[in-house]
Amino acid sequence: MNIIELLLTELAQEAQTTRKMLALVPADKLDWAPHEKSMKMKDLSVHIAELPTWVTLALKTDGLDFATEPYNPTAVSNAADLLALFEKSYEDGRASLSETTDKDLSGTWVLRNADQVYATMTKYETIRHAFSQTIHHRAQLGVYLRLLNIPIPGSYGPSADDPSF
């Protein structure tokens, strides 16, 4: 397998777990957060749903500057909206990845806010970072759901809420 095939496989595998988690987000708790320093559930969930588009961002640009491209999250009002947003984002990232080559992954990509540089990575590292961000924020969402007594699905095996555990 080449790197692109491996990334496509990982993207598809992580999408299965992401769908299960986003489907559980309760519409009446979108403005809820477990702590004043935590993101609201809606903001966290939208971020997770939009992360696959970072694959396209990495492959088709040389970076992102928040000073010139401020973030405007997509409006959602329920889990169905989140899942639709995720499917659109997933297809966007999957299509971009399937149209590229391994050698395209070596270019440099920079995340910044004007003169403040947050990260300089290869395009491959940017894609892997987006995958890691998905996993990280999905785990945060799992904590949010657990605190609301919503059973958590398994990610890489059964969860404590799975009857087979």
Protein backbone atom coordinates (compact mmCIF):
# COMPACT_ATOMS: atom_id res chain seq x y z
CA MET A 1 0.00 0.00 0.00
CA ASN A 2 1.16 3.53 -0.65
CA ILE A 3 0.73 6.41 1.77
CA ILE A 4 -2.41 7.71 0.05
CA GLU A 5 -4.12 4.31 0.33
CA LEU A 6 -3.16 4.10 4.01
CA LEU A 7 -4.52 7.59 4.70
CA LEU A 8 -7.76 6.80 2.85
CA THR A 9 -8.18 3.63 4.92
CA GLU A 10 -7.58 5.50 8.16
CA LEU A 11 -9.95 8.30 7.16
CA ALA A 12 -12.70 5.76 6.43
CA GLN A 13 -12.13 3.87 9.69
CA GLU A 14 -12.19 7.00 11.82
CA ALA A 15 -15.32 8.19 9.99
CA GLN A 16 -17.25 5.15 11.27
CA THR A 17 -16.57 6.08 14.89
CA THR A 18 -17.12 9.78 14.28
CA ARG A 19 -20.58 9.12 12.82
CA LYS A 20 -21.56 7.10 15.90
CA MET A 21 -20.52 9.92 18.22
CA LEU A 22 -22.07 12.79 16.27
CA ALA A 23 -25.37 10.90 16.03
CA LEU A 24 -25.65 11.06 19.83
CA VAL A 25 -25.41 14.84 20.22
CA PRO A 26 -28.69 15.97 21.80
CA ALA A 27 -30.30 19.02 20.18
CA ASP A 28 -31.35 20.39 23.56
CA LYS A 29 -27.73 20.41 24.82
CA LEU A 30 -25.97 22.20 21.96
CA ASP A 31 -25.25 25.21 24.17
CA TRP A 32 -24.06 23.06 27.08
CA ALA A 33 -20.44 22.84 28.22
CA PRO A 34 -19.03 20.92 31.19
CA HIS A 35 -16.89 23.86 32.32
CA GLU A 36 -16.65 27.59 31.64
CA LYS A 37 -13.34 27.07 29.79
CA SER A 38 -14.77 24.27 27.65
CA MET A 39 -16.26 24.70 24.19
CA LYS A 40 -20.02 24.49 23.88
CA MET A 41 -21.17 21.11 22.62
CA LYS A 42 -22.29 22.64 19.32
CA ASP A 43 -18.91 24.28 18.69
CA LEU A 44 -17.05 21.08 19.53
CA SER A 45 -19.34 18.91 17.39
CA VAL A 46 -19.21 21.26 14.39
CA HIS A 47 -15.42 21.34 14.63
CA ILE A 48 -15.33 17.53 14.59
CA ALA A 49 -17.74 17.42 11.64
CA GLU A 50 -15.66 19.92 9.65
CA LEU A 51 -12.20 18.43 10.30
CA PRO A 52 -12.15 16.16 7.21
CA THR A 53 -12.06 19.32 5.09
CA TRP A 54 -8.58 19.97 6.48
CA VAL A 55 -7.38 17.18 4.19
CA THR A 56 -8.43 19.30 1.22
CA LEU A 57 -7.05 22.42 2.87
CA ALA A 58 -3.67 20.71 3.29
CA LEU A 59 -3.56 19.42 -0.26
CA LYS A 60 -4.89 22.44 -2.13
CA THR A 61 -3.36 25.34 -0.19
CA ASP A 62 -0.03 26.26 1.36
CA GLY A 63 -1.60 27.25 4.66
CA LEU A 64 -4.30 28.99 6.59
CA ASP A 65 -4.09 32.50 8.00
CA PHE A 66 -6.88 33.26 10.45
CA ALA A 67 -6.18 36.99 10.01
CA THR A 68 -7.32 36.86 6.40
CA GLU A 69 -9.64 33.83 6.61
CA PRO A 70 -11.55 33.99 9.91
CA TYR A 71 -13.32 30.83 10.99
CA ASN A 72 -17.09 30.83 10.58
CA PRO A 73 -18.57 27.58 11.90
CA THR A 74 -21.44 26.00 10.04
CA ALA A 75 -24.83 26.45 11.73
CA VAL A 76 -26.45 23.26 12.98
CA SER A 77 -29.47 22.60 15.14
CA ASN A 78 -29.40 18.82 15.69
CA ALA A 79 -27.52 15.56 15.18
CA ALA A 80 -28.94 15.14 11.68
CA ASP A 81 -27.41 18.48 10.68
CA LEU A 82 -24.09 17.41 12.21
CA LEU A 83 -24.11 14.12 10.32
CA ALA A 84 -24.97 15.85 7.04
CA LEU A 85 -22.12 18.32 7.59
CA PHE A 86 -19.75 15.48 8.45
CA GLU A 87 -20.71 13.48 5.33
CA LYS A 88 -20.11 16.53 3.13
CA SER A 89 -16.75 17.20 4.85
CA TYR A 90 -15.76 13.53 4.69
CA GLU A 91 -16.51 13.29 0.97
CA ASP A 92 -14.57 16.50 0.34
CA GLY A 93 -11.50 15.20 2.18
CA ARG A 94 -11.76 11.70 0.72
CA ALA A 95 -12.06 13.01 -2.84
CA SER A 96 -9.08 15.34 -2.47
CA LEU A 97 -6.97 12.59 -0.98
CA SER A 98 -7.90 10.08 -3.68
CA GLU A 99 -6.91 12.58 -6.39
CA THR A 100 -3.39 13.22 -5.05
CA THR A 101 -0.09 11.39 -5.09
CA ASP A 102 2.44 10.52 -2.41
CA LYS A 103 4.87 13.14 -3.70
CA ASP A 104 2.22 15.88 -3.20
CA LEU A 105 2.41 15.21 0.53
CA SER A 106 5.88 16.69 0.98
CA GLY A 107 5.01 20.34 0.39
CA THR A 108 5.02 22.80 3.30
CA TRP A 109 1.83 23.99 4.98
CA VAL A 110 1.65 26.83 7.54
CA LEU A 111 -1.05 27.61 10.13
CA ARG A 112 -0.92 31.20 11.31
CA ASN A 113 -2.68 34.30 12.51
CA ALA A 114 -0.94 37.16 10.69
CA ASP A 115 2.67 37.17 11.97
CA GLN A 116 2.05 34.56 14.65
CA VAL A 117 2.92 31.14 13.23
CA TYR A 118 1.22 28.28 15.06
CA ALA A 119 2.65 25.43 13.01
CA THR A 120 4.77 24.68 9.96
CA MET A 121 4.27 21.14 8.72
CA THR A 122 4.43 19.07 5.59
CA LYS A 123 1.11 18.47 3.89
CA TYR A 124 1.30 14.86 5.11
CA GLU A 125 1.82 16.04 8.69
CA THR A 126 -1.12 18.44 8.32
CA ILE A 127 -3.39 15.57 7.26
CA ARG A 128 -2.18 13.41 10.15
CA HIS A 129 -2.70 16.38 12.48
CA ALA A 130 -6.29 16.68 11.26
CA PHE A 131 -6.81 12.96 11.95
CA SER A 132 -5.33 13.37 15.44
CA GLN A 133 -7.51 16.41 16.07
CA THR A 134 -10.57 14.38 15.11
CA ILE A 135 -9.66 11.63 17.56
CA HIS A 136 -8.80 14.13 20.32
CA HIS A 137 -11.98 16.18 19.98
CA ARG A 138 -14.14 13.08 19.55
CA ALA A 139 -12.81 11.89 22.92
CA GLN A 140 -13.75 15.27 24.40
CA LEU A 141 -17.24 14.82 22.98
CA GLY A 142 -17.36 11.40 24.62
CA VAL A 143 -16.70 13.03 28.00
CA TYR A 144 -19.46 15.55 27.36
CA LEU A 145 -21.90 12.76 26.51
CA ARG A 146 -20.80 10.67 29.50
CA LEU A 147 -21.43 13.63 31.83
CA LEU A 148 -24.95 13.85 30.37
CA ASN A 149 -25.47 10.11 31.03
CA ILE A 150 -25.63 9.29 27.33
CA PRO A 151 -24.22 5.80 26.62
CA ILE A 152 -20.98 5.93 24.67
CA PRO A 153 -20.37 3.64 21.67
CA GLY A 154 -17.10 1.77 21.34
CA SER A 155 -14.32 3.36 19.31
CA TYR A 156 -11.48 0.86 19.09
CA GLY A 157 -13.29 -1.94 20.84
CA PRO A 158 -16.27 -2.09 23.17
CA SER A 159 -17.07 0.71 25.61
CA ALA A 160 -18.29 0.25 29.17
CA ASP A 161 -21.79 0.87 27.77
CA ASP A 162 -21.62 -2.00 25.29
CA PRO A 163 -23.59 -4.99 26.62
CA SER A 164 -20.83 -7.35 25.48
CA PHE A 165 -18.21 -5.63 27.66
